[in-house]
């Protein structure tokens, strides 16, 4: 599925960034139809991105995550949510 591919690629990119740590992502898309003379074509535009990351408690990390998501998906900042991943027992 194309959404899972995008999410997997974003997850790999973000987790490779310094300070991000473990990460989970969810991408939502909206279908828009456009066409001339009855010739319809569907395109899926990214409408929102949620990033849950271990390092998201750091303002600099959040800013870098936001910049990467904006660059990859041409999505406005208010459509990006970045939250800190909850601690696991072994993460202390």
N, C-alpha and C. Protein backbone atom coordinates (compact mmCIF):
# COMPACT_ATOMS: atom_id res chain seq x y z
N UNK A 1 0.85 -1.18 0.00
CA UNK A 1 0.00 0.00 0.00
C UNK A 1 0.89 1.24 0.00
N UNK A 2 0.52 2.23 -0.75
CA UNK A 2 1.34 3.43 -0.93
C UNK A 2 1.50 4.21 0.36
N UNK A 3 0.45 4.27 1.19
CA UNK A 3 0.55 4.99 2.46
C UNK A 3 1.56 4.34 3.39
N UNK A 4 1.54 3.02 3.46
CA UNK A 4 2.49 2.30 4.32
C UNK A 4 3.92 2.49 3.82
N UNK A 5 4.10 2.53 2.50
CA UNK A 5 5.43 2.78 1.94
C UNK A 5 5.94 4.15 2.34
N UNK A 6 5.08 5.17 2.22
CA UNK A 6 5.47 6.53 2.60
C UNK A 6 5.80 6.61 4.08
N UNK A 7 4.96 5.99 4.90
CA UNK A 7 5.18 6.00 6.34
C UNK A 7 6.49 5.31 6.69
N UNK A 8 6.76 4.18 6.05
CA UNK A 8 8.00 3.45 6.29
C UNK A 8 9.23 4.26 5.90
N UNK A 9 9.15 4.93 4.77
CA UNK A 9 10.28 5.75 4.32
C UNK A 9 10.51 6.92 5.27
N UNK A 10 9.42 7.58 5.69
CA UNK A 10 9.55 8.70 6.62
C UNK A 10 10.12 8.23 7.95
N UNK A 11 9.65 7.08 8.41
CA UNK A 11 10.13 6.52 9.67
C UNK A 11 11.63 6.26 9.60
N UNK A 12 12.11 5.69 8.49
CA UNK A 12 13.54 5.42 8.33
C UNK A 12 14.35 6.72 8.31
N UNK A 13 13.87 7.72 7.60
CA UNK A 13 14.58 9.00 7.52
C UNK A 13 14.66 9.66 8.90
N UNK A 14 13.52 9.74 9.58
CA UNK A 14 13.50 10.41 10.87
C UNK A 14 14.32 9.68 11.92
N UNK A 15 14.24 8.35 11.94
CA UNK A 15 14.98 7.59 12.96
C UNK A 15 16.49 7.67 12.73
N UNK A 16 16.91 8.02 11.53
CA UNK A 16 18.34 8.17 11.23
C UNK A 16 18.86 9.54 11.67
N UNK A 17 17.96 10.46 11.98
CA UNK A 17 18.37 11.80 12.38
C UNK A 17 18.85 11.81 13.84
N UNK A 18 19.84 12.61 14.11
CA UNK A 18 20.39 12.71 15.47
C UNK A 18 19.33 13.26 16.43
N UNK A 19 19.18 12.57 17.55
CA UNK A 19 18.30 13.04 18.61
C UNK A 19 16.86 12.59 18.52
N UNK A 20 16.46 12.00 17.39
CA UNK A 20 15.06 11.61 17.22
C UNK A 20 14.76 10.31 17.96
N UNK A 21 15.64 9.33 17.88
CA UNK A 21 15.42 8.05 18.55
C UNK A 21 14.36 7.23 17.85
N UNK A 22 13.70 6.37 18.62
CA UNK A 22 12.61 5.55 18.05
C UNK A 22 11.49 6.46 17.60
N UNK A 23 10.83 6.07 16.54
CA UNK A 23 9.80 6.93 15.96
C UNK A 23 8.68 6.10 15.34
N UNK A 24 7.48 6.61 15.43
CA UNK A 24 6.32 6.07 14.72
C UNK A 24 5.69 7.22 13.96
N UNK A 25 5.16 6.94 12.77
CA UNK A 25 4.54 8.00 11.98
C UNK A 25 3.20 7.54 11.42
N UNK A 26 2.33 8.50 11.19
CA UNK A 26 1.06 8.25 10.51
C UNK A 26 0.84 9.40 9.54
N UNK A 27 0.51 9.04 8.31
CA UNK A 27 0.25 10.04 7.27
C UNK A 27 -1.19 9.88 6.82
N UNK A 28 -1.92 10.99 6.79
CA UNK A 28 -3.28 10.96 6.25
C UNK A 28 -3.28 11.70 4.92
N UNK A 29 -4.12 11.20 4.02
CA UNK A 29 -4.20 11.83 2.69
C UNK A 29 -5.65 12.05 2.32
N UNK A 30 -5.86 13.05 1.50
CA UNK A 30 -7.20 13.33 1.01
C UNK A 30 -7.23 13.14 -0.50
N UNK A 31 -8.35 12.67 -0.99
CA UNK A 31 -8.51 12.47 -2.42
C UNK A 31 -9.09 13.74 -3.02
N UNK A 32 -8.46 14.23 -4.06
CA UNK A 32 -9.01 15.36 -4.78
C UNK A 32 -9.20 14.95 -6.23
N UNK A 33 -10.28 15.38 -6.80
CA UNK A 33 -10.54 15.04 -8.20
C UNK A 33 -10.48 16.30 -9.04
N UNK A 34 -9.82 16.19 -10.15
CA UNK A 34 -9.77 17.31 -11.09
C UNK A 34 -9.81 16.73 -12.49
N UNK A 35 -10.38 17.46 -13.38
CA UNK A 35 -10.43 16.96 -14.74
C UNK A 35 -11.05 17.98 -15.68
N UNK A 36 -10.73 17.84 -16.93
CA UNK A 36 -11.30 18.69 -17.95
C UNK A 36 -12.17 17.85 -18.86
N UNK A 37 -13.32 18.37 -19.20
CA UNK A 37 -14.22 17.70 -20.13
C UNK A 37 -14.57 16.29 -19.69
N UNK A 38 -14.80 16.15 -18.39
CA UNK A 38 -15.22 14.85 -17.88
C UNK A 38 -14.11 13.85 -17.69
N UNK A 39 -12.89 14.25 -17.96
CA UNK A 39 -11.75 13.35 -17.79
C UNK A 39 -11.23 13.51 -16.36
N UNK A 40 -11.65 12.61 -15.47
CA UNK A 40 -11.32 12.71 -14.05
C UNK A 40 -10.00 12.00 -13.76
N UNK A 41 -9.24 12.60 -12.87
CA UNK A 41 -8.04 11.92 -12.39
C UNK A 41 -7.97 12.10 -10.88
N UNK A 42 -7.62 11.05 -10.19
CA UNK A 42 -7.52 11.09 -8.74
C UNK A 42 -6.06 11.31 -8.34
N UNK A 43 -5.88 12.17 -7.37
CA UNK A 43 -4.55 12.33 -6.80
C UNK A 43 -4.70 12.38 -5.29
N UNK A 44 -3.75 11.79 -4.60
CA UNK A 44 -3.80 11.76 -3.15
C UNK A 44 -2.80 12.76 -2.60
N UNK A 45 -3.30 13.76 -1.90
CA UNK A 45 -2.47 14.80 -1.32
C UNK A 45 -2.33 14.55 0.17
N UNK A 46 -1.13 14.70 0.70
CA UNK A 46 -0.93 14.53 2.14
C UNK A 46 -1.67 15.66 2.85
N UNK A 47 -2.55 15.28 3.78
CA UNK A 47 -3.33 16.29 4.50
C UNK A 47 -2.90 16.44 5.95
N UNK A 48 -2.10 15.51 6.45
CA UNK A 48 -1.61 15.62 7.82
C UNK A 48 -0.58 14.56 8.13
N UNK A 49 0.31 14.88 9.08
CA UNK A 49 1.35 13.94 9.49
C UNK A 49 1.47 13.99 11.01
N UNK A 50 1.47 12.82 11.63
CA UNK A 50 1.71 12.70 13.06
C UNK A 50 3.03 11.96 13.24
N UNK A 51 3.90 12.52 14.08
CA UNK A 51 5.18 11.90 14.39
C UNK A 51 5.26 11.72 15.90
N UNK A 52 5.47 10.49 16.33
CA UNK A 52 5.67 10.19 17.75
C UNK A 52 7.12 9.73 17.87
N UNK A 53 7.94 10.51 18.59
CA UNK A 53 9.37 10.24 18.64
C UNK A 53 9.91 10.36 20.06
N UNK A 54 10.90 9.53 20.37
CA UNK A 54 11.54 9.60 21.69
C UNK A 54 12.13 10.97 21.96
N UNK A 55 12.75 11.56 20.97
CA UNK A 55 13.44 12.84 21.16
C UNK A 55 12.57 14.06 20.99
N UNK A 56 11.26 13.88 20.85
CA UNK A 56 10.38 15.00 20.56
C UNK A 56 10.22 15.98 21.71
N UNK A 57 10.75 15.68 22.89
CA UNK A 57 10.68 16.62 23.99
C UNK A 57 11.66 17.79 23.82
N UNK A 58 12.53 17.70 22.84
CA UNK A 58 13.55 18.71 22.58
C UNK A 58 13.08 19.63 21.45
N UNK A 59 13.05 20.94 21.71
CA UNK A 59 12.54 21.90 20.72
C UNK A 59 13.34 21.87 19.41
N UNK A 60 14.66 21.68 19.49
CA UNK A 60 15.47 21.64 18.28
C UNK A 60 15.16 20.40 17.45
N UNK A 61 14.94 19.28 18.11
CA UNK A 61 14.58 18.04 17.40
C UNK A 61 13.21 18.22 16.74
N UNK A 62 12.26 18.80 17.47
CA UNK A 62 10.93 19.04 16.89
C UNK A 62 11.02 19.91 15.64
N UNK A 63 11.84 20.94 15.71
CA UNK A 63 11.99 21.84 14.56
C UNK A 63 12.56 21.10 13.35
N UNK A 64 13.57 20.25 13.58
CA UNK A 64 14.16 19.49 12.47
C UNK A 64 13.16 18.50 11.89
N UNK A 65 12.40 17.83 12.74
CA UNK A 65 11.38 16.90 12.26
C UNK A 65 10.36 17.65 11.40
N UNK A 66 9.90 18.79 11.89
CA UNK A 66 8.91 19.59 11.16
C UNK A 66 9.45 20.03 9.80
N UNK A 67 10.71 20.46 9.75
CA UNK A 67 11.30 20.91 8.49
C UNK A 67 11.39 19.77 7.48
N UNK A 68 11.76 18.58 7.94
CA UNK A 68 11.85 17.42 7.05
C UNK A 68 10.47 17.07 6.50
N UNK A 69 9.47 17.02 7.36
CA UNK A 69 8.11 16.67 6.91
C UNK A 69 7.60 17.71 5.92
N UNK A 70 7.82 19.00 6.21
CA UNK A 70 7.37 20.06 5.29
C UNK A 70 8.06 19.93 3.94
N UNK A 71 9.36 19.63 3.96
CA UNK A 71 10.11 19.51 2.71
C UNK A 71 9.67 18.31 1.88
N UNK A 72 9.40 17.18 2.53
CA UNK A 72 9.03 15.97 1.81
C UNK A 72 7.61 15.99 1.26
N UNK A 73 6.68 16.58 2.01
CA UNK A 73 5.27 16.44 1.66
C UNK A 73 4.57 17.75 1.34
N UNK A 74 5.28 18.86 1.34
CA UNK A 74 4.68 20.18 1.06
C UNK A 74 3.41 20.40 1.88
N UNK A 75 3.50 20.08 3.17
CA UNK A 75 2.37 20.23 4.06
C UNK A 75 2.65 21.39 5.01
N UNK A 76 1.62 22.17 5.32
CA UNK A 76 1.78 23.31 6.23
C UNK A 76 2.10 22.84 7.64
N UNK A 77 2.80 23.69 8.39
CA UNK A 77 3.24 23.34 9.74
C UNK A 77 2.07 22.99 10.66
N UNK A 78 0.93 23.65 10.48
CA UNK A 78 -0.21 23.38 11.37
C UNK A 78 -0.86 22.02 11.08
N UNK A 79 -0.41 21.34 10.05
CA UNK A 79 -0.92 20.00 9.73
C UNK A 79 0.07 18.91 10.14
N UNK A 80 1.09 19.31 10.91
CA UNK A 80 2.10 18.37 11.41
C UNK A 80 2.01 18.36 12.94
N UNK A 81 1.85 17.19 13.50
CA UNK A 81 1.82 17.05 14.96
C UNK A 81 3.00 16.18 15.38
N UNK A 82 3.81 16.72 16.29
CA UNK A 82 4.99 16.00 16.77
C UNK A 82 4.85 15.85 18.28
N UNK A 83 4.86 14.61 18.75
CA UNK A 83 4.68 14.35 20.18
C UNK A 83 5.75 13.40 20.69
N UNK A 84 6.03 13.53 21.98
CA UNK A 84 7.05 12.69 22.62
C UNK A 84 6.50 11.30 22.86
N UNK A 85 7.32 10.29 22.52
CA UNK A 85 6.95 8.90 22.76
C UNK A 85 7.04 8.62 24.25
N UNK A 86 6.07 7.85 24.75
CA UNK A 86 6.11 7.52 26.17
C UNK A 86 7.30 6.61 26.46
N UNK A 87 7.80 6.71 27.66
CA UNK A 87 8.96 5.92 28.07
C UNK A 87 8.60 4.46 28.22
N UNK A 88 9.49 3.60 27.80
CA UNK A 88 9.36 2.16 28.02
C UNK A 88 10.08 1.84 29.30
N UNK A 89 9.77 0.72 29.93
CA UNK A 89 10.41 0.32 31.19
C UNK A 89 11.93 0.32 31.09
N UNK A 90 12.47 -0.16 29.97
CA UNK A 90 13.92 -0.28 29.83
C UNK A 90 14.61 0.97 29.36
N UNK A 91 13.89 2.06 29.14
CA UNK A 91 14.47 3.28 28.57
C UNK A 91 15.10 4.22 29.60
N UNK A 92 15.11 3.86 30.84
CA UNK A 92 15.58 4.80 31.87
C UNK A 92 17.06 4.96 31.88
